[in-house]
Amino acid sequence: MADMVKRFCNTFLTEGIFLLVIGALLLLLPIFTTITMSMLISLALVFAGVYKFINTIIRRDEIEKPWLNVIVSLLMVWAGIYLTMMPVYNLFLLTIGVGIYFLLEGVNSMFMAFQTKGVFKYWWVGLLVGFAQFGLALLIAFGLPGTALYTIGLMVGVSLLLSGIALISVYTGAGCPRIAES
């Protein structure tokens, strides 16, 4: 692993800086980011539905009940078009989904912490993470519908920012030659 990191030092640094900059920009424009993500998901539903429909028609002889696939594909296309035309509704659904994810992930992290209590010295860190995730779920839930405008954008921005920091830390911690030395 260390050899691979050293071979691709500049790639780690370049990607890290890129993700750091993009993440920071997304954090500056969370509403724009949220709406864009919402529209991309809606369009993905439309394209996936069209693909499923075409694939079902082409493979209709191989599929036991092709009419079920046709119905599902048409529902996907309809849902994608509807959510594209109603972006606020889409934002609301996405935000509820993120809130449910954090709620479930928080409960899971707490259970995992208690299960590893006798095994790991720092088991309590998992408990803190679980409380933080649970807290995020509550913040999202009690902030609806207002949080729907920026939640997804903030989360994507933070994720990219942290990914950039992680890649830059891999670069700095791997003993890569400094840029001036290259």
Protein backbone atom coordinates (compact mmCIF):
# COMPACT_ATOMS: atom_id res chain seq x y z
CA MET A 1 0.00 0.00 0.00
CA ALA A 2 2.81 2.40 0.89
CA ASP A 3 4.50 1.75 -2.48
CA MET A 4 1.26 2.49 -4.30
CA VAL A 5 0.82 5.75 -2.39
CA LYS A 6 4.39 6.82 -3.19
CA ARG A 7 3.89 5.99 -6.89
CA PHE A 8 0.79 8.17 -7.06
CA CYS A 9 1.82 10.96 -4.67
CA ASN A 10 0.99 13.77 -7.07
CA THR A 11 -2.36 12.19 -7.89
CA PHE A 12 -3.31 12.11 -4.21
CA LEU A 13 -2.29 15.73 -3.77
CA THR A 14 -4.03 16.93 -6.94
CA GLU A 15 -7.26 15.08 -6.19
CA GLY A 16 -7.13 16.23 -2.56
CA ILE A 17 -6.77 19.89 -3.52
CA PHE A 18 -9.50 19.54 -6.16
CA LEU A 19 -11.96 17.96 -3.71
CA LEU A 20 -11.05 20.52 -1.05
CA VAL A 21 -11.77 23.43 -3.40
CA ILE A 22 -14.99 21.89 -4.80
CA GLY A 23 -16.19 21.04 -1.27
CA ALA A 24 -15.54 24.59 -0.11
CA LEU A 25 -17.42 26.00 -3.11
CA LEU A 26 -20.36 23.70 -2.45
CA LEU A 27 -20.42 24.83 1.18
CA LEU A 28 -20.59 28.44 0.01
CA LEU A 29 -23.60 27.64 -2.20
CA PRO A 30 -25.58 24.96 -0.30
CA ILE A 31 -28.98 25.84 -1.75
CA PHE A 32 -27.66 25.72 -5.32
CA THR A 33 -25.92 22.43 -4.56
CA THR A 34 -29.04 20.93 -3.00
CA ILE A 35 -31.25 21.87 -5.93
CA THR A 36 -28.66 20.59 -8.41
CA MET A 37 -28.37 17.25 -6.59
CA SER A 38 -32.15 17.03 -6.50
CA MET A 39 -32.40 17.60 -10.24
CA LEU A 40 -29.62 15.08 -10.97
CA ILE A 41 -31.42 12.41 -8.95
CA SER A 42 -34.68 13.17 -10.77
CA LEU A 43 -33.00 12.96 -14.17
CA ALA A 44 -31.25 9.74 -13.12
CA LEU A 45 -34.67 8.24 -12.38
CA VAL A 46 -35.89 9.21 -15.85
CA PHE A 47 -32.83 7.78 -17.62
CA ALA A 48 -32.86 4.60 -15.51
CA GLY A 49 -36.56 4.13 -16.27
CA VAL A 50 -36.04 4.62 -20.01
CA TYR A 51 -33.11 2.18 -19.94
CA LYS A 52 -35.17 -0.39 -18.01
CA PHE A 53 -38.04 0.01 -20.49
CA ILE A 54 -35.80 -0.44 -23.55
CA ASN A 55 -33.97 -3.35 -21.91
CA THR A 56 -37.28 -5.03 -21.10
CA ILE A 57 -38.52 -4.67 -24.67
CA ILE A 58 -35.27 -6.10 -26.07
CA ARG A 59 -35.20 -9.02 -23.58
CA ARG A 60 -38.96 -9.65 -23.34
CA ASP A 61 -38.57 -13.30 -24.38
CA GLU A 62 -36.04 -13.97 -21.60
CA ILE A 63 -38.05 -12.31 -18.81
CA GLU A 64 -40.82 -14.31 -17.14
CA LYS A 65 -43.22 -11.37 -16.62
CA PRO A 66 -42.01 -8.47 -18.76
CA TRP A 67 -45.14 -6.43 -18.07
CA LEU A 68 -43.99 -5.99 -14.44
CA ASN A 69 -40.70 -4.50 -15.65
CA VAL A 70 -42.59 -2.23 -18.04
CA ILE A 71 -44.79 -0.97 -15.18
CA VAL A 72 -41.77 -0.36 -12.94
CA SER A 73 -39.89 1.43 -15.71
CA LEU A 74 -42.87 3.66 -16.50
CA LEU A 75 -43.26 4.46 -12.78
CA MET A 76 -39.57 5.38 -12.63
CA VAL A 77 -39.92 7.70 -15.62
CA TRP A 78 -43.10 9.24 -14.21
CA ALA A 79 -41.51 9.75 -10.76
CA GLY A 80 -38.41 11.31 -12.32
CA ILE A 81 -40.45 13.72 -14.46
CA TYR A 82 -42.72 14.59 -11.53
CA LEU A 83 -39.79 15.24 -9.19
CA THR A 84 -38.06 17.31 -11.88
CA MET A 85 -41.16 19.50 -12.20
CA MET A 86 -41.62 19.67 -8.41
CA PRO A 87 -38.07 20.23 -7.09
CA VAL A 88 -39.24 21.43 -3.66
CA TYR A 89 -41.10 18.18 -3.10
CA ASN A 90 -37.98 16.32 -4.23
CA LEU A 91 -35.86 18.30 -1.75
CA PHE A 92 -38.29 17.45 1.02
CA LEU A 93 -38.18 13.72 0.22
CA LEU A 94 -34.39 13.70 -0.03
CA THR A 95 -34.05 15.52 3.28
CA ILE A 96 -36.41 13.10 5.01
CA GLY A 97 -34.34 10.24 3.57
CA VAL A 98 -31.11 11.77 4.90
CA GLY A 99 -32.73 12.29 8.31
CA ILE A 100 -33.87 8.67 8.46
CA TYR A 101 -30.39 7.55 7.40
CA PHE A 102 -28.76 9.52 10.23
CA LEU A 103 -31.31 8.23 12.72
CA LEU A 104 -30.68 4.60 11.77
CA GLU A 105 -26.93 5.09 11.51
CA GLY A 106 -26.85 6.75 14.93
CA VAL A 107 -28.73 3.89 16.56
CA ASN A 108 -26.45 1.40 14.78
CA SER A 109 -23.30 3.22 15.95
CA MET A 110 -24.54 3.23 19.54
CA PHE A 111 -25.31 -0.50 19.46
CA MET A 112 -21.91 -1.24 17.91
CA ALA A 113 -20.22 0.81 20.63
CA PHE A 114 -21.91 -1.16 23.38
CA GLN A 115 -21.14 -4.46 21.65
CA THR A 116 -17.44 -3.60 21.51
CA LYS A 117 -17.28 -2.26 25.07
CA GLY A 118 -15.18 -5.13 26.38
CA VAL A 119 -13.15 -5.49 23.20
CA PHE A 120 -11.91 -2.00 22.34
CA LYS A 121 -10.30 0.51 24.67
CA TYR A 122 -11.97 3.49 22.98
CA TRP A 123 -15.41 1.96 22.49
CA TRP A 124 -16.98 5.16 23.77
CA VAL A 125 -15.92 7.03 20.60
CA GLY A 126 -18.50 5.00 18.69
CA LEU A 127 -21.07 6.04 21.27
CA LEU A 128 -20.20 9.71 20.75
CA VAL A 129 -20.46 9.27 16.98
CA GLY A 130 -23.86 7.63 17.44
CA PHE A 131 -25.09 10.52 19.57
CA ALA A 132 -23.81 12.99 16.97
CA GLN A 133 -25.57 11.14 14.15
CA PHE A 134 -28.75 10.91 16.18
CA GLY A 135 -28.48 14.64 16.91
CA LEU A 136 -28.11 15.40 13.20
CA ALA A 137 -31.25 13.37 12.52
CA LEU A 138 -33.16 15.39 15.11
CA LEU A 139 -31.84 18.70 13.74
CA ILE A 140 -32.95 17.74 10.26
CA ALA A 141 -36.34 16.43 11.41
CA PHE A 142 -37.21 19.41 13.60
CA GLY A 143 -35.94 21.85 10.98
CA LEU A 144 -38.18 20.56 8.18
CA PRO A 145 -39.30 21.96 5.80
CA GLY A 146 -36.69 24.75 6.09
CA THR A 147 -33.71 22.43 6.27
CA ALA A 148 -34.72 20.82 2.97
CA LEU A 149 -33.22 23.76 1.07
CA TYR A 150 -29.65 23.31 2.24
CA THR A 151 -29.18 19.94 3.98
CA ILE A 152 -28.08 17.90 0.97
CA GLY A 153 -25.79 20.68 -0.27
CA LEU A 154 -24.10 21.02 3.10
CA MET A 155 -23.61 17.29 3.43
CA VAL A 156 -22.15 16.87 -0.06
CA GLY A 157 -19.90 19.89 0.51
CA VAL A 158 -18.66 18.62 3.88
CA SER A 159 -18.12 15.15 2.45
CA LEU A 160 -16.00 16.44 -0.43
CA LEU A 161 -14.11 18.82 1.87
CA LEU A 162 -13.27 15.99 4.29
CA SER A 163 -12.31 13.69 1.42
CA GLY A 164 -9.93 16.35 0.15
CA ILE A 165 -8.38 16.76 3.58
CA ALA A 166 -8.00 12.97 3.89
CA LEU A 167 -6.23 12.70 0.52
CA ILE A 168 -3.90 15.59 1.33
CA SER A 169 -3.09 13.94 4.67
CA VAL A 170 -2.25 10.70 2.83
CA TYR A 171 0.11 12.73 0.63
CA THR A 172 1.79 14.45 3.57
CA GLY A 173 1.97 11.31 5.72
CA ALA A 174 3.34 9.00 3.03
CA GLY A 175 6.77 10.60 2.79
CA CYS A 176 6.10 11.94 -0.67
CA PRO A 177 8.70 14.32 -2.08
CA ARG A 178 7.74 17.94 -1.65
CA ILE A 179 6.66 19.83 -4.76
CA ALA A 180 9.80 22.03 -4.65
CA GLU A 181 11.99 18.88 -4.64
CA SER A 182 10.26 17.32 -7.68
